[in-house]
Amino acid sequence: MSPIYLTKEGREKLKEELEYLKKQKMPQVVERIARAKELGDLSENAEYQDAKDEQGFIAGRIAELENLINKSEIINENGSKDFVNVGSTIKVKCGKIQYQYTIVGSNEANPTKGLISNESPIGRAFLGRKIGEKVVVKIPKGEMECEILAIT
């Protein structure tokens, strides 16, 4: 299994979500379950079933967040500028258009914001490459050649 890469900010967001789920959301659901139990027959109690389903979802998300936080590696944002690594921000030219991407772990990827997963075809194509190198990137419409202009 490949490492789980997170930025410091990404890990903090996960910790905040975990805290919210444990200290606010889960107690609310437990209270809903208790109120629903007071209504009587649980076999036909939709409120009870909905609350139990939500409790299961929250418990699953808590376990997922704890796993991500405990097994993650913080991206070294001050790493080498000689080659593209997880945490690198790169400026590339594909055809006549320039793009800026930051290579992040898959949990923080958001292509619309220029955050590209290290596990995506685009991210994998750039990893380990240097300024001036031309990279062929596989995209849904075929292939695209990009040149790395800068690594920060």
Protein backbone atom coordinates (compact mmCIF):
# COMPACT_ATOMS: atom_id res chain seq x y z
CA MET A 1 0.00 0.00 0.00
CA SER A 2 1.35 3.41 -0.94
CA PRO A 3 1.78 6.06 1.74
CA ILE A 4 -1.03 8.51 2.46
CA TYR A 5 0.36 11.97 1.78
CA LEU A 6 -1.18 15.05 3.39
CA THR A 7 -0.21 18.67 3.73
CA LYS A 8 -0.16 20.10 7.26
CA GLU A 9 -3.34 22.01 6.40
CA GLY A 10 -4.98 18.86 5.05
CA ARG A 11 -4.20 16.90 8.20
CA GLU A 12 -5.55 19.75 10.35
CA LYS A 13 -8.81 19.77 8.36
CA LEU A 14 -9.18 16.03 8.92
CA LYS A 15 -8.50 16.47 12.65
CA GLU A 16 -11.13 19.23 12.82
CA GLU A 17 -13.69 17.03 11.07
CA LEU A 18 -12.85 14.14 13.41
CA GLU A 19 -13.28 16.35 16.47
CA TYR A 20 -16.61 17.68 15.16
CA LEU A 21 -17.92 14.17 14.50
CA LYS A 22 -16.83 12.84 17.90
CA LYS A 23 -17.80 15.78 20.10
CA GLN A 24 -20.84 17.22 18.34
CA LYS A 25 -22.39 15.03 15.66
CA MET A 26 -22.18 11.63 17.38
CA PRO A 27 -23.67 12.87 20.68
CA GLN A 28 -26.55 14.44 18.70
CA VAL A 29 -27.26 11.12 16.98
CA VAL A 30 -27.08 9.20 20.27
CA GLU A 31 -29.66 11.64 21.66
CA ARG A 32 -31.89 11.09 18.60
CA ILE A 33 -31.66 7.32 19.14
CA ALA A 34 -32.61 7.70 22.80
CA ARG A 35 -35.63 9.88 21.91
CA ALA A 36 -36.71 7.46 19.19
CA LYS A 37 -36.51 4.51 21.61
CA GLU A 38 -38.98 6.29 23.86
CA LEU A 39 -41.55 6.14 21.06
CA GLY A 40 -41.97 2.40 21.49
CA ASP A 41 -41.86 -0.39 18.89
CA LEU A 42 -38.43 -0.14 17.24
CA SER A 43 -39.30 -2.46 14.33
CA GLU A 44 -41.57 0.17 12.75
CA ASN A 45 -39.82 3.26 14.05
CA ALA A 46 -38.42 5.19 11.06
CA GLU A 47 -36.82 7.86 13.26
CA TYR A 48 -34.93 5.18 15.19
CA GLN A 49 -33.78 3.44 12.00
CA ASP A 50 -32.65 6.72 10.41
CA ALA A 51 -30.68 7.65 13.53
CA LYS A 52 -29.06 4.19 13.69
CA ASP A 53 -28.11 4.44 10.01
CA GLU A 54 -26.58 7.87 10.59
CA GLN A 55 -24.73 6.55 13.65
CA GLY A 56 -23.23 3.79 11.51
CA PHE A 57 -22.20 6.27 8.82
CA ILE A 58 -20.57 8.59 11.39
CA ALA A 59 -18.77 5.69 13.09
CA GLY A 60 -17.42 4.61 9.70
CA ARG A 61 -16.24 8.11 8.87
CA ILE A 62 -14.58 8.43 12.31
CA ALA A 63 -12.69 5.17 11.71
CA GLU A 64 -11.69 6.34 8.22
CA LEU A 65 -10.43 9.70 9.52
CA GLU A 66 -8.48 8.09 12.37
CA ASN A 67 -6.84 5.72 9.87
CA LEU A 68 -5.95 8.58 7.49
CA ILE A 69 -4.53 10.73 10.28
CA ASN A 70 -2.54 7.90 11.89
CA LYS A 71 -1.10 6.48 8.67
CA SER A 72 -0.44 9.72 6.83
CA GLU A 73 2.90 11.31 6.07
CA ILE A 74 3.17 15.08 6.03
CA ILE A 75 4.37 16.38 2.69
CA ASN A 76 7.73 18.15 2.92
CA GLU A 77 6.83 21.41 1.21
CA ASN A 78 10.46 22.54 1.42
CA GLY A 79 11.73 19.54 -0.50
CA SER A 80 14.04 19.47 -3.48
CA LYS A 81 13.32 21.93 -6.27
CA ASP A 82 15.46 19.87 -8.65
CA PHE A 83 12.73 17.38 -9.49
CA VAL A 84 8.97 17.02 -9.10
CA ASN A 85 7.90 15.33 -5.89
CA VAL A 86 4.75 15.13 -3.79
CA GLY A 87 4.33 18.66 -2.46
CA SER A 88 5.91 20.33 -5.50
CA THR A 89 4.12 23.13 -7.28
CA ILE A 90 4.95 23.02 -10.96
CA LYS A 91 4.39 25.33 -13.87
CA VAL A 92 3.97 23.47 -17.14
CA LYS A 93 3.26 24.34 -20.74
CA CYS A 94 0.96 21.99 -22.61
CA GLY A 95 0.63 23.08 -26.21
CA LYS A 96 0.25 26.85 -26.05
CA ILE A 97 -1.35 26.93 -22.59
CA GLN A 98 0.47 27.22 -19.25
CA TYR A 99 -0.87 25.52 -16.14
CA GLN A 100 0.16 25.49 -12.51
CA TYR A 101 -0.35 22.31 -10.50
CA THR A 102 0.52 21.26 -6.98
CA ILE A 103 1.15 17.53 -6.56
CA VAL A 104 -0.68 16.32 -3.44
CA GLY A 105 -1.86 13.06 -1.93
CA SER A 106 -5.09 11.62 -3.30
CA ASN A 107 -7.10 12.70 -0.24
CA GLU A 108 -6.47 16.38 -0.96
CA ALA A 109 -6.74 16.30 -4.75
CA ASN A 110 -8.99 18.92 -6.31
CA PRO A 111 -8.21 19.37 -10.01
CA THR A 112 -10.41 22.47 -10.31
CA LYS A 113 -8.06 24.17 -7.82
CA GLY A 114 -4.90 22.82 -9.46
CA LEU A 115 -4.32 20.17 -6.77
CA ILE A 116 -3.35 17.00 -8.63
CA SER A 117 -3.08 13.59 -6.97
CA ASN A 118 0.29 11.89 -7.04
CA GLU A 119 -1.64 8.74 -8.03
CA SER A 120 -3.45 10.30 -11.01
CA PRO A 121 -2.14 9.79 -14.56
CA ILE A 122 -1.09 13.45 -14.70
CA GLY A 123 0.57 13.39 -11.28
CA ARG A 124 2.42 10.15 -12.00
CA ALA A 125 3.65 11.51 -15.34
CA PHE A 126 5.36 14.48 -13.65
CA LEU A 127 6.81 12.77 -10.55
CA GLY A 128 10.60 12.54 -10.63
CA ARG A 129 10.92 14.83 -13.66
CA LYS A 130 13.10 17.95 -13.94
CA ILE A 131 12.71 21.47 -15.31
CA GLY A 132 12.91 21.44 -19.10
CA GLU A 133 11.76 17.84 -19.45
CA LYS A 134 8.91 17.09 -21.79
CA VAL A 135 6.33 14.67 -20.49
CA VAL A 136 3.59 12.86 -22.38
CA VAL A 137 0.44 12.90 -20.26
CA LYS A 138 -2.44 10.53 -20.93
CA ILE A 139 -5.78 12.32 -20.81
CA PRO A 140 -9.30 11.15 -21.68
CA LYS A 141 -8.98 12.60 -25.20
CA GLY A 142 -5.65 10.88 -25.88
CA GLU A 143 -2.20 12.21 -25.08
CA MET A 144 -0.80 15.65 -24.46
CA GLU A 145 2.84 16.75 -24.37
CA CYS A 146 3.81 19.12 -21.57
CA GLU A 147 7.08 20.81 -20.73
CA ILE A 148 8.02 21.52 -17.12
CA LEU A 149 8.87 25.22 -16.83
CA ALA A 150 9.35 25.61 -13.07
CA ILE A 151 9.32 23.63 -9.82
CA THR A 152 8.66 25.41 -6.53
